[in-house]
Amino acid sequence: MKRLNRKSVIVAVLTLIMIFGVNSFTAPRSFSAGEEGIKEAPGFDVNTSMMENLVRLKGKSVTLTLSSGQTITGIVSEVKGNLLHIAKLSQKEFYDALVAIDHIAAVETKVR
């Protein structure tokens, strides 16, 4: 009888180790930017022009500082030639803006 109880205890302990211990033996999964389901936010590339950086930000929210000092926040809609179309301006319902890329002094966007 003692032998049967000892075997039952060993089987029960091994079963519990297998059920709960498997997770402790596997390494935690870390996500890198290239894995599916995680999108890397577009960053800036100082090796390209202002226009190419703005094209990469299409569909993203940006804050532009113009050479006059005025700031404009909205969504990059279209970039063509020397013009940038900013849609859905913040603080202004139903307004868009068309900005000459030459007049942009700085671009801010969330990248992390």
Protein backbone atom coordinates (compact mmCIF):
# COMPACT_ATOMS: atom_id res chain seq x y z
CA MET A 1 0.00 0.00 0.00
CA LYS A 2 2.81 2.39 0.85
CA ARG A 3 4.38 1.68 -2.51
CA LEU A 4 1.16 2.58 -4.34
CA ASN A 5 0.86 5.87 -2.45
CA ARG A 6 4.46 6.75 -3.21
CA LYS A 7 3.91 6.10 -6.92
CA SER A 8 0.71 8.14 -6.89
CA VAL A 9 2.50 11.05 -5.21
CA ILE A 10 5.38 10.88 -7.70
CA VAL A 11 2.97 10.77 -10.64
CA ALA A 12 0.98 13.69 -9.21
CA VAL A 13 4.14 15.77 -8.62
CA LEU A 14 5.48 15.03 -12.11
CA THR A 15 2.12 15.93 -13.62
CA LEU A 16 2.07 19.25 -11.76
CA ILE A 17 5.64 19.98 -12.83
CA MET A 18 4.70 19.25 -16.42
CA ILE A 19 1.61 21.43 -16.27
CA PHE A 20 3.01 24.42 -14.37
CA GLY A 21 6.72 23.98 -14.96
CA VAL A 22 6.69 24.16 -18.74
CA ASN A 23 6.18 27.92 -18.69
CA SER A 24 9.10 28.38 -16.33
CA PHE A 25 11.43 26.49 -18.67
CA THR A 26 10.53 28.46 -21.78
CA ALA A 27 12.14 31.82 -22.35
CA PRO A 28 9.79 34.80 -22.29
CA ARG A 29 8.96 36.00 -25.75
CA SER A 30 10.15 39.47 -26.60
CA PHE A 31 8.74 41.38 -29.52
CA SER A 32 10.96 43.11 -31.99
CA ALA A 33 9.86 45.72 -34.48
CA GLY A 34 9.90 43.22 -37.34
CA GLU A 35 7.45 40.75 -35.81
CA GLU A 36 3.89 40.52 -37.02
CA GLY A 37 1.35 42.58 -35.12
CA ILE A 38 3.81 45.29 -34.13
CA LYS A 39 4.22 48.25 -36.41
CA GLU A 40 7.27 50.41 -36.19
CA ALA A 41 6.42 54.07 -36.23
CA PRO A 42 8.07 55.91 -39.10
CA GLY A 43 11.00 57.97 -37.95
CA PHE A 44 13.00 60.68 -39.59
CA ASP A 45 15.86 60.11 -42.00
CA VAL A 46 18.37 62.96 -42.09
CA ASN A 47 19.87 61.54 -45.28
CA THR A 48 16.73 62.37 -47.27
CA SER A 49 14.92 65.59 -48.14
CA MET A 50 12.12 67.22 -46.19
CA MET A 51 9.67 66.08 -48.88
CA GLU A 52 10.77 62.42 -48.63
CA ASN A 53 10.42 62.53 -44.84
CA LEU A 54 6.92 63.96 -45.18
CA VAL A 55 5.95 61.25 -47.69
CA ARG A 56 6.97 58.62 -45.10
CA LEU A 57 4.66 60.30 -42.59
CA LYS A 58 1.57 60.11 -44.85
CA GLY A 59 -1.48 59.34 -42.69
CA LYS A 60 0.32 60.31 -39.47
CA SER A 61 -0.30 63.27 -37.20
CA VAL A 62 2.40 65.95 -37.39
CA THR A 63 3.05 69.39 -35.98
CA LEU A 64 4.72 71.75 -38.40
CA THR A 65 6.61 74.85 -37.36
CA LEU A 66 6.72 77.28 -40.23
CA SER A 67 9.55 79.71 -40.86
CA SER A 68 7.16 82.48 -39.70
CA GLY A 69 6.95 80.79 -36.27
CA GLN A 70 3.34 79.64 -36.68
CA THR A 71 2.59 75.99 -35.83
CA ILE A 72 0.10 73.74 -37.61
CA THR A 73 -0.99 70.32 -36.36
CA GLY A 74 -2.85 67.84 -38.53
CA ILE A 75 -2.66 64.66 -40.59
CA VAL A 76 -0.30 64.40 -43.58
CA SER A 77 -2.68 63.78 -46.45
CA GLU A 78 -0.70 64.34 -49.65
CA VAL A 79 2.78 65.47 -50.68
CA LYS A 80 3.30 66.55 -54.28
CA GLY A 81 5.80 68.87 -55.85
CA ASN A 82 6.59 71.54 -53.30
CA LEU A 83 3.22 71.35 -51.53
CA LEU A 84 2.00 69.51 -48.45
CA HIS A 85 -1.70 68.93 -47.80
CA ILE A 86 -2.45 68.76 -44.05
CA ALA A 87 -5.94 67.42 -43.25
CA LYS A 88 -8.02 67.60 -40.07
CA LEU A 89 -6.28 70.57 -38.48
CA SER A 90 -6.41 70.45 -34.70
CA GLN A 91 -8.50 73.11 -32.99
CA LYS A 92 -10.23 73.87 -36.32
CA GLU A 93 -13.17 71.73 -37.40
CA PHE A 94 -13.56 71.11 -41.13
CA TYR A 95 -10.24 72.85 -42.00
CA ASP A 96 -7.31 71.64 -44.06
CA ALA A 97 -4.12 73.45 -45.00
CA LEU A 98 -1.86 73.56 -48.03
CA VAL A 99 1.70 74.39 -47.01
CA ALA A 100 4.73 75.13 -49.17
CA ILE A 101 7.44 72.69 -48.09
CA ASP A 102 10.03 75.48 -48.46
CA HIS A 103 8.34 77.32 -45.57
CA ILE A 104 8.56 74.44 -43.10
CA ALA A 105 11.24 75.00 -40.46
CA ALA A 106 10.56 71.89 -38.34
CA VAL A 107 8.38 68.75 -38.27
CA GLU A 108 7.32 67.01 -35.06
CA THR A 109 5.64 63.61 -34.84
CA LYS A 110 5.27 60.78 -32.37
CA VAL A 111 7.75 58.01 -33.20
CA ARG A 112 7.85 55.91 -29.99
